[in-house]
Amino acid sequence: MTSLPVSERLGSHLKRAEQALSAAKTAALKPAGLTSPQYAALLHLSANPGMSAAALARACAVTPPTMNTVLKNLRELGLVERTPHEWHKNILETRLTAKGGEVLARADEGPVRVERGLAACFTDEERRTLVELLGRCVDYLDSTRNP
């Protein structure tokens, strides 16, 4: 027997919540024909046009090779375009195309519905507290990796 039962491990509860959220968003994206990584890339590019593949990989929490595959597929679908950076010619900036913006707008309806439904499970004060508590989780866990 271990010294900490599974029911008392916060990580197990966090993982279950993350997996449930991921599954709900994946199902919500299915009608749009996008994967979660594709959607995440489009969403981040809409807020930060011109991101490099490396920056986008970090923002979407995927590996750089995975992001390169995601961007290749999005480019083939005509949803993003990649052009050399003005000063750093070996860096490609990535931007949504008009079609990419349209696809994102339609696809975003499902995940927004999921997010709003989840938020509605809590009062305003509970949401603020949850965000604060999750932030503390991240801060502590980051500190254990970077002492």
N, C-alpha and C. Protein backbone atom coordinates (compact mmCIF):
# COMPACT_ATOMS: atom_id res chain seq x y z
N MET A 1 0.83 -1.18 0.00
CA MET A 1 0.00 0.00 0.00
C MET A 1 0.88 1.25 0.00
N THR A 2 0.44 2.27 -0.72
CA THR A 2 1.23 3.50 -0.77
C THR A 2 0.87 4.40 0.40
N SER A 3 1.68 5.41 0.62
CA SER A 3 1.46 6.31 1.75
C SER A 3 0.42 7.39 1.46
N LEU A 4 -0.09 7.47 0.22
CA LEU A 4 -1.10 8.47 -0.11
C LEU A 4 -2.15 7.84 -1.02
N PRO A 5 -3.35 7.63 -0.49
CA PRO A 5 -4.40 6.99 -1.31
C PRO A 5 -4.74 7.83 -2.54
N VAL A 6 -5.16 7.16 -3.59
CA VAL A 6 -5.50 7.84 -4.84
C VAL A 6 -6.54 8.93 -4.60
N SER A 7 -7.52 8.67 -3.77
CA SER A 7 -8.59 9.64 -3.52
C SER A 7 -8.07 10.95 -2.92
N GLU A 8 -6.89 10.92 -2.32
CA GLU A 8 -6.30 12.11 -1.72
C GLU A 8 -5.26 12.78 -2.61
N ARG A 9 -5.02 12.23 -3.78
CA ARG A 9 -4.02 12.78 -4.69
C ARG A 9 -4.67 13.83 -5.59
N LEU A 10 -4.31 15.08 -5.35
CA LEU A 10 -4.88 16.16 -6.15
C LEU A 10 -4.60 15.98 -7.63
N GLY A 11 -3.43 15.45 -7.95
CA GLY A 11 -3.08 15.23 -9.35
C GLY A 11 -4.07 14.34 -10.07
N SER A 12 -4.59 13.33 -9.37
CA SER A 12 -5.59 12.44 -9.98
C SER A 12 -6.87 13.19 -10.30
N HIS A 13 -7.29 14.07 -9.40
CA HIS A 13 -8.50 14.85 -9.63
C HIS A 13 -8.29 15.87 -10.76
N LEU A 14 -7.11 16.50 -10.78
CA LEU A 14 -6.80 17.43 -11.86
C LEU A 14 -6.77 16.72 -13.21
N LYS A 15 -6.18 15.55 -13.25
CA LYS A 15 -6.08 14.78 -14.50
C LYS A 15 -7.46 14.37 -15.00
N ARG A 16 -8.32 13.91 -14.10
CA ARG A 16 -9.68 13.52 -14.50
C ARG A 16 -10.43 14.71 -15.07
N ALA A 17 -10.30 15.87 -14.43
CA ALA A 17 -10.98 17.07 -14.93
C ALA A 17 -10.42 17.47 -16.30
N GLU A 18 -9.10 17.41 -16.45
CA GLU A 18 -8.48 17.76 -17.73
C GLU A 18 -8.93 16.81 -18.83
N GLN A 19 -8.98 15.53 -18.53
CA GLN A 19 -9.40 14.54 -19.53
C GLN A 19 -10.87 14.73 -19.91
N ALA A 20 -11.71 15.04 -18.93
CA ALA A 20 -13.13 15.26 -19.22
C ALA A 20 -13.32 16.50 -20.08
N LEU A 21 -12.58 17.56 -19.78
CA LEU A 21 -12.64 18.78 -20.59
C LEU A 21 -12.17 18.52 -22.00
N SER A 22 -11.06 17.81 -22.13
CA SER A 22 -10.51 17.49 -23.45
C SER A 22 -11.50 16.66 -24.27
N ALA A 23 -12.11 15.67 -23.65
CA ALA A 23 -13.08 14.83 -24.36
C ALA A 23 -14.31 15.63 -24.79
N ALA A 24 -14.78 16.52 -23.92
CA ALA A 24 -15.94 17.35 -24.25
C ALA A 24 -15.62 18.29 -25.42
N LYS A 25 -14.44 18.89 -25.40
CA LYS A 25 -14.06 19.80 -26.49
C LYS A 25 -13.82 19.03 -27.78
N THR A 26 -13.22 17.85 -27.71
CA THR A 26 -13.02 17.03 -28.89
C THR A 26 -14.35 16.70 -29.54
N ALA A 27 -15.32 16.31 -28.73
CA ALA A 27 -16.66 16.01 -29.25
C ALA A 27 -17.30 17.26 -29.84
N ALA A 28 -17.11 18.40 -29.21
CA ALA A 28 -17.69 19.66 -29.70
C ALA A 28 -17.06 20.10 -31.02
N LEU A 29 -15.82 19.70 -31.25
CA LEU A 29 -15.11 20.08 -32.49
C LEU A 29 -15.40 19.13 -33.65
N LYS A 30 -15.89 17.96 -33.35
CA LYS A 30 -16.09 16.94 -34.39
C LYS A 30 -16.91 17.45 -35.57
N PRO A 31 -18.04 18.15 -35.36
CA PRO A 31 -18.81 18.64 -36.51
C PRO A 31 -18.03 19.59 -37.42
N ALA A 32 -17.06 20.30 -36.85
CA ALA A 32 -16.25 21.24 -37.63
C ALA A 32 -15.13 20.53 -38.39
N GLY A 33 -14.88 19.26 -38.08
CA GLY A 33 -13.83 18.52 -38.76
C GLY A 33 -12.42 18.90 -38.35
N LEU A 34 -12.27 19.49 -37.16
CA LEU A 34 -10.95 19.87 -36.67
C LEU A 34 -10.57 19.00 -35.48
N THR A 35 -9.26 18.75 -35.36
CA THR A 35 -8.75 18.09 -34.16
C THR A 35 -8.51 19.17 -33.10
N SER A 36 -8.35 18.73 -31.87
CA SER A 36 -8.07 19.69 -30.79
C SER A 36 -6.78 20.47 -31.04
N PRO A 37 -5.68 19.82 -31.47
CA PRO A 37 -4.47 20.60 -31.75
C PRO A 37 -4.66 21.60 -32.91
N GLN A 38 -5.42 21.22 -33.94
CA GLN A 38 -5.69 22.15 -35.04
C GLN A 38 -6.48 23.35 -34.54
N TYR A 39 -7.50 23.06 -33.76
CA TYR A 39 -8.32 24.14 -33.19
C TYR A 39 -7.48 25.06 -32.32
N ALA A 40 -6.67 24.47 -31.44
CA ALA A 40 -5.82 25.27 -30.55
C ALA A 40 -4.88 26.17 -31.36
N ALA A 41 -4.31 25.63 -32.42
CA ALA A 41 -3.41 26.43 -33.26
C ALA A 41 -4.16 27.59 -33.89
N LEU A 42 -5.34 27.33 -34.46
CA LEU A 42 -6.12 28.40 -35.07
C LEU A 42 -6.52 29.45 -34.03
N LEU A 43 -6.90 29.00 -32.85
CA LEU A 43 -7.31 29.92 -31.79
C LEU A 43 -6.16 30.83 -31.38
N HIS A 44 -4.97 30.25 -31.18
CA HIS A 44 -3.81 31.05 -30.78
C HIS A 44 -3.38 31.99 -31.91
N LEU A 45 -3.47 31.52 -33.14
CA LEU A 45 -3.10 32.38 -34.27
C LEU A 45 -4.07 33.54 -34.45
N SER A 46 -5.33 33.33 -34.10
CA SER A 46 -6.29 34.42 -34.21
C SER A 46 -5.96 35.53 -33.22
N ALA A 47 -5.43 35.16 -32.07
CA ALA A 47 -5.07 36.14 -31.04
C ALA A 47 -3.67 36.69 -31.23
N ASN A 48 -2.79 35.91 -31.88
CA ASN A 48 -1.38 36.29 -32.04
C ASN A 48 -0.90 35.99 -33.45
N PRO A 49 -1.36 36.75 -34.44
CA PRO A 49 -0.94 36.47 -35.82
C PRO A 49 0.58 36.58 -35.97
N GLY A 50 1.13 35.69 -36.78
CA GLY A 50 2.56 35.74 -37.06
C GLY A 50 3.41 34.88 -36.15
N MET A 51 2.80 34.09 -35.29
CA MET A 51 3.58 33.24 -34.39
C MET A 51 4.43 32.26 -35.18
N SER A 52 5.58 31.93 -34.65
CA SER A 52 6.40 30.88 -35.24
C SER A 52 5.84 29.53 -34.82
N ALA A 53 6.26 28.49 -35.52
CA ALA A 53 5.81 27.14 -35.17
C ALA A 53 6.26 26.77 -33.76
N ALA A 54 7.45 27.17 -33.37
CA ALA A 54 7.96 26.85 -32.03
C ALA A 54 7.12 27.53 -30.95
N ALA A 55 6.81 28.80 -31.15
CA ALA A 55 5.99 29.53 -30.18
C ALA A 55 4.59 28.94 -30.12
N LEU A 56 4.08 28.57 -31.26
CA LEU A 56 2.75 27.98 -31.32
C LEU A 56 2.72 26.62 -30.61
N ALA A 57 3.77 25.83 -30.79
CA ALA A 57 3.86 24.54 -30.10
C ALA A 57 3.82 24.73 -28.59
N ARG A 58 4.58 25.71 -28.10
CA ARG A 58 4.58 25.98 -26.65
C ARG A 58 3.19 26.42 -26.20
N ALA A 59 2.56 27.31 -26.94
CA ALA A 59 1.23 27.83 -26.56
C ALA A 59 0.18 26.73 -26.55
N CYS A 60 0.31 25.77 -27.47
CA CYS A 60 -0.67 24.69 -27.59
C CYS A 60 -0.30 23.45 -26.80
N ALA A 61 0.84 23.49 -26.12
CA ALA A 61 1.31 22.38 -25.29
C ALA A 61 1.48 21.08 -26.09
N VAL A 62 2.10 21.22 -27.27
CA VAL A 62 2.46 20.05 -28.07
C VAL A 62 3.94 20.17 -28.43
N THR A 63 4.50 19.09 -28.93
CA THR A 63 5.91 19.12 -29.32
C THR A 63 6.07 19.87 -30.64
N PRO A 64 7.25 20.41 -30.91
CA PRO A 64 7.48 21.07 -32.19
C PRO A 64 7.20 20.17 -33.40
N PRO A 65 7.62 18.88 -33.39
CA PRO A 65 7.29 18.04 -34.54
C PRO A 65 5.77 17.87 -34.74
N THR A 66 5.05 17.76 -33.63
CA THR A 66 3.59 17.65 -33.73
C THR A 66 3.02 18.92 -34.35
N MET A 67 3.51 20.09 -33.88
CA MET A 67 2.99 21.35 -34.43
C MET A 67 3.32 21.48 -35.91
N ASN A 68 4.49 21.01 -36.32
CA ASN A 68 4.82 21.07 -37.75
C ASN A 68 3.82 20.26 -38.57
N THR A 69 3.42 19.11 -38.06
CA THR A 69 2.41 18.28 -38.75
C THR A 69 1.06 18.99 -38.76
N VAL A 70 0.68 19.56 -37.63
CA VAL A 70 -0.59 20.30 -37.54
C VAL A 70 -0.60 21.43 -38.56
N LEU A 71 0.49 22.21 -38.62
CA LEU A 71 0.55 23.34 -39.54
C LEU A 71 0.56 22.89 -40.99
N LYS A 72 1.23 21.78 -41.27
CA LYS A 72 1.24 21.24 -42.63
C LYS A 72 -0.19 20.91 -43.06
N ASN A 73 -0.93 20.26 -42.17
CA ASN A 73 -2.32 19.89 -42.49
C ASN A 73 -3.21 21.12 -42.62
N LEU A 74 -3.03 22.10 -41.75
CA LEU A 74 -3.84 23.32 -41.83
C LEU A 74 -3.52 24.10 -43.10
N ARG A 75 -2.26 24.07 -43.48
CA ARG A 75 -1.86 24.76 -44.73
C ARG A 75 -2.48 24.07 -45.94
N GLU A 76 -2.46 22.74 -45.94
CA GLU A 76 -3.05 21.99 -47.05
C GLU A 76 -4.56 22.23 -47.15
N LEU A 77 -5.20 22.51 -46.01
CA LEU A 77 -6.63 22.81 -46.00
C LEU A 77 -6.92 24.27 -46.37
N GLY A 78 -5.85 25.06 -46.50
CA GLY A 78 -6.02 26.47 -46.84
C GLY A 78 -6.43 27.34 -45.67
N LEU A 79 -6.15 26.87 -44.45
CA LEU A 79 -6.58 27.61 -43.26
C LEU A 79 -5.50 28.52 -42.68
N VAL A 80 -4.23 28.23 -43.01
CA VAL A 80 -3.13 29.10 -42.57
C VAL A 80 -2.17 29.32 -43.72
N GLU A 81 -1.41 30.39 -43.59
CA GLU A 81 -0.31 30.64 -44.54
C GLU A 81 0.94 30.93 -43.73
N ARG A 82 2.07 30.55 -44.30
CA ARG A 82 3.35 30.73 -43.62
C ARG A 82 4.27 31.52 -44.54
N THR A 83 4.83 32.58 -43.99
CA THR A 83 5.72 33.44 -44.77
C THR A 83 6.98 33.73 -43.96
N PRO A 84 8.11 33.97 -44.64
CA PRO A 84 9.34 34.28 -43.91
C PRO A 84 9.20 35.57 -43.10
N HIS A 85 9.80 35.57 -41.92
CA HIS A 85 9.83 36.75 -41.05
C HIS A 85 10.60 37.85 -41.78
N GLU A 86 10.20 39.08 -41.54
CA GLU A 86 10.81 40.22 -42.23
C GLU A 86 12.33 40.30 -42.03
N TRP A 87 12.80 40.03 -40.79
CA TRP A 87 14.24 40.14 -40.50
C TRP A 87 14.92 38.79 -40.37
N HIS A 88 14.22 37.81 -39.85
CA HIS A 88 14.79 36.49 -39.62
C HIS A 88 14.24 35.53 -40.67
N LYS A 89 14.87 35.48 -41.80
CA LYS A 89 14.35 34.74 -42.95
C LYS A 89 14.21 33.23 -42.70
N ASN A 90 14.90 32.70 -41.69
CA ASN A 90 14.77 31.27 -41.41
C ASN A 90 13.60 30.96 -40.47
N ILE A 91 12.89 32.00 -40.01
CA ILE A 91 11.70 31.82 -39.18
C ILE A 91 10.48 32.11 -40.05
N LEU A 92 9.54 31.16 -40.02
CA LEU A 92 8.29 31.35 -40.76
C LEU A 92 7.20 31.85 -39.82
N GLU A 93 6.58 32.95 -40.22
CA GLU A 93 5.44 33.46 -39.46
C GLU A 93 4.18 32.78 -39.99
N THR A 94 3.28 32.48 -39.09
CA THR A 94 2.06 31.78 -39.47
C THR A 94 0.86 32.67 -39.18
N ARG A 95 -0.03 32.75 -40.15
CA ARG A 95 -1.24 33.55 -40.00
C ARG A 95 -2.45 32.78 -40.54
N LEU A 96 -3.61 33.10 -39.98
CA LEU A 96 -4.85 32.54 -40.50
C LEU A 96 -5.14 33.14 -41.88
N THR A 97 -5.68 32.33 -42.75
CA THR A 97 -6.22 32.85 -44.00
C THR A 97 -7.66 33.29 -43.70
N ALA A 98 -8.29 33.94 -44.66
CA ALA A 98 -9.70 34.31 -44.49
C ALA A 98 -10.53 33.05 -44.24
N LYS A 99 -10.25 31.99 -44.99
CA LYS A 99 -10.97 30.73 -44.80
C LYS A 99 -10.70 30.17 -43.40
N GLY A 100 -9.46 30.29 -42.92
CA GLY A 100 -9.12 29.82 -41.58
C GLY A 100 -9.91 30.57 -40.51
N GLY A 101 -10.07 31.87 -40.69
CA GLY A 101 -10.87 32.66 -39.75
C GLY A 101 -12.33 32.22 -39.74
N GLU A 102 -12.85 31.93 -40.92
CA GLU A 102 -14.25 31.48 -41.02
C GLU A 102 -14.43 30.11 -40.37
N VAL A 103 -13.50 29.20 -40.64
CA VAL A 103 -13.57 27.86 -40.05
C VAL A 103 -13.46 27.95 -38.53
N LEU A 104 -12.55 28.78 -38.05
CA LEU A 104 -12.39 28.94 -36.60
C LEU A 104 -13.67 29.50 -35.99
N ALA A 105 -14.28 30.49 -36.60
CA ALA A 105 -15.50 31.08 -36.05
C ALA A 105 -16.59 30.02 -35.90
N ARG A 106 -16.75 29.18 -36.90
CA ARG A 106 -17.75 28.11 -36.82
C ARG A 106 -17.35 27.05 -35.79
N ALA A 107 -16.09 26.65 -35.83
CA ALA A 107 -15.62 25.59 -34.93
C ALA A 107 -15.66 26.03 -33.47
N ASP A 108 -15.45 27.31 -33.22
CA ASP A 108 -15.36 27.83 -31.85
C ASP A 108 -16.69 27.75 -31.11
N GLU A 109 -17.79 27.64 -31.83
CA GLU A 109 -19.10 27.60 -31.19
C GLU A 109 -19.21 26.44 -30.20
N GLY A 110 -18.72 25.26 -30.57
CA GLY A 110 -18.80 24.09 -29.70
C GLY A 110 -17.98 24.24 -28.43
N PRO A 111 -16.67 24.52 -28.54
CA PRO A 111 -15.87 24.70 -27.33
C PRO A 111 -16.36 25.85 -26.44
N VAL A 112 -16.86 26.92 -27.05
CA VAL A 112 -17.39 28.02 -26.24
C VAL A 112 -18.60 27.54 -25.46
N ARG A 113 -19.44 26.74 -26.09
CA ARG A 113 -20.61 26.18 -25.40
C ARG A 113 -20.15 25.32 -24.20
N VAL A 114 -19.12 24.52 -24.41
CA VAL A 114 -18.57 23.69 -23.33
C VAL A 114 -18.04 24.58 -22.21
N GLU A 115 -17.25 25.59 -22.56
CA GLU A 115 -16.66 26.49 -21.56
C GLU A 115 -17.73 27.24 -20.78
N ARG A 116 -18.75 27.74 -21.49
CA ARG A 116 -19.83 28.47 -20.81
C ARG A 116 -20.63 27.54 -19.90
N GLY A 117 -20.88 26.33 -20.35
CA GLY A 117 -21.58 25.37 -19.51
C GLY A 117 -20.80 25.04 -18.26
N LEU A 118 -19.50 24.86 -18.43
CA LEU A 118 -18.64 24.58 -17.28
C LEU A 118 -18.64 25.76 -16.32
N ALA A 119 -18.50 26.96 -16.85
CA ALA A 119 -18.49 28.16 -16.00
C ALA A 119 -19.80 28.31 -15.25
N ALA A 120 -20.91 27.90 -15.88
CA ALA A 120 -22.22 28.04 -15.25
C ALA A 120 -22.40 27.11 -14.04
N CYS A 121 -21.51 26.13 -13.89
CA CYS A 121 -21.56 25.23 -12.73
C CYS A 121 -21.09 25.93 -11.45
N PHE A 122 -20.54 27.13 -11.60
CA PHE A 122 -19.95 27.84 -10.47
C PHE A 122 -20.51 29.25 -10.37
N THR A 123 -20.49 29.79 -9.16
CA THR A 123 -20.82 31.20 -8.98
C THR A 123 -19.62 32.02 -9.46
N ASP A 124 -19.80 33.33 -9.61
CA ASP A 124 -18.69 34.19 -10.00
C ASP A 124 -17.54 34.07 -9.01
N GLU A 125 -17.86 34.06 -7.73
CA GLU A 125 -16.82 33.95 -6.70
C GLU A 125 -16.11 32.60 -6.78
N GLU A 126 -16.87 31.53 -6.99
CA GLU A 126 -16.26 30.21 -7.10
C GLU A 126 -15.33 30.13 -8.31
N ARG A 127 -15.74 30.73 -9.43
CA ARG A 127 -14.88 30.73 -10.63
C ARG A 127 -13.58 31.45 -10.35
N ARG A 128 -13.67 32.62 -9.70
CA ARG A 128 -12.44 33.36 -9.38
C ARG A 128 -11.55 32.55 -8.45
N THR A 129 -12.16 31.90 -7.47
CA THR A 129 -11.39 31.07 -6.53
C THR A 129 -10.76 29.89 -7.26
N LEU A 130 -11.52 29.23 -8.13
CA LEU A 130 -10.99 28.09 -8.88
C LEU A 130 -9.79 28.51 -9.73
N VAL A 131 -9.92 29.63 -10.42
CA VAL A 131 -8.81 30.12 -11.24
C VAL A 131 -7.59 30.41 -10.37
N GLU A 132 -7.81 31.01 -9.21
CA GLU A 132 -6.70 31.29 -8.31
C GLU A 132 -6.05 30.00 -7.82
N LEU A 133 -6.87 29.03 -7.42
CA LEU A 133 -6.35 27.77 -6.92
C LEU A 133 -5.58 27.01 -8.00
N LEU A 134 -6.11 27.00 -9.21
CA LEU A 134 -5.40 26.32 -10.30
C LEU A 134 -4.09 27.04 -10.60
N GLY A 135 -4.09 28.35 -10.51
CA GLY A 135 -2.85 29.12 -10.70
C GLY A 135 -1.81 28.75 -9.65
N ARG A 136 -2.25 28.56 -8.43
CA ARG A 136 -1.32 28.13 -7.37
C ARG A 136 -0.79 26.74 -7.66
N CYS A 137 -1.64 25.86 -8.19
CA CYS A 137 -1.17 24.52 -8.58
C CYS A 137 -0.05 24.65 -9.61
N VAL A 138 -0.29 25.44 -10.64
CA VAL A 138 0.70 25.62 -11.70
C VAL A 138 1.99 26.21 -11.14
N ASP A 139 1.87 27.24 -10.31
CA ASP A 139 3.07 27.86 -9.73
C ASP A 139 3.89 26.84 -8.95
N TYR A 140 3.23 26.05 -8.09
CA TYR A 140 3.97 25.06 -7.31
C TYR A 140 4.61 24.02 -8.22
N LEU A 141 3.82 23.48 -9.15
CA LEU A 141 4.34 22.43 -10.02
C LEU A 141 5.48 22.94 -10.90
N ASP A 142 5.39 24.16 -11.38
CA ASP A 142 6.50 24.75 -12.14
C ASP A 142 7.74 24.88 -11.27
N SER A 143 7.55 25.21 -10.01
CA SER A 143 8.72 25.37 -9.11
C SER A 143 9.43 24.04 -8.86
N THR A 144 8.72 22.93 -8.96
CA THR A 144 9.36 21.64 -8.73
C THR A 144 10.21 21.22 -9.91
N ARG A 145 9.92 21.76 -11.09
CA ARG A 145 10.71 21.44 -12.28
C ARG A 145 11.91 22.35 -12.41
N ASN A 146 11.77 23.58 -11.93
CA ASN A 146 12.83 24.59 -12.07
C ASN A 146 13.24 25.10 -10.69
N PRO A 147 13.97 24.28 -9.94
CA PRO A 147 14.34 24.71 -8.58
C PRO A 147 15.28 25.90 -8.58
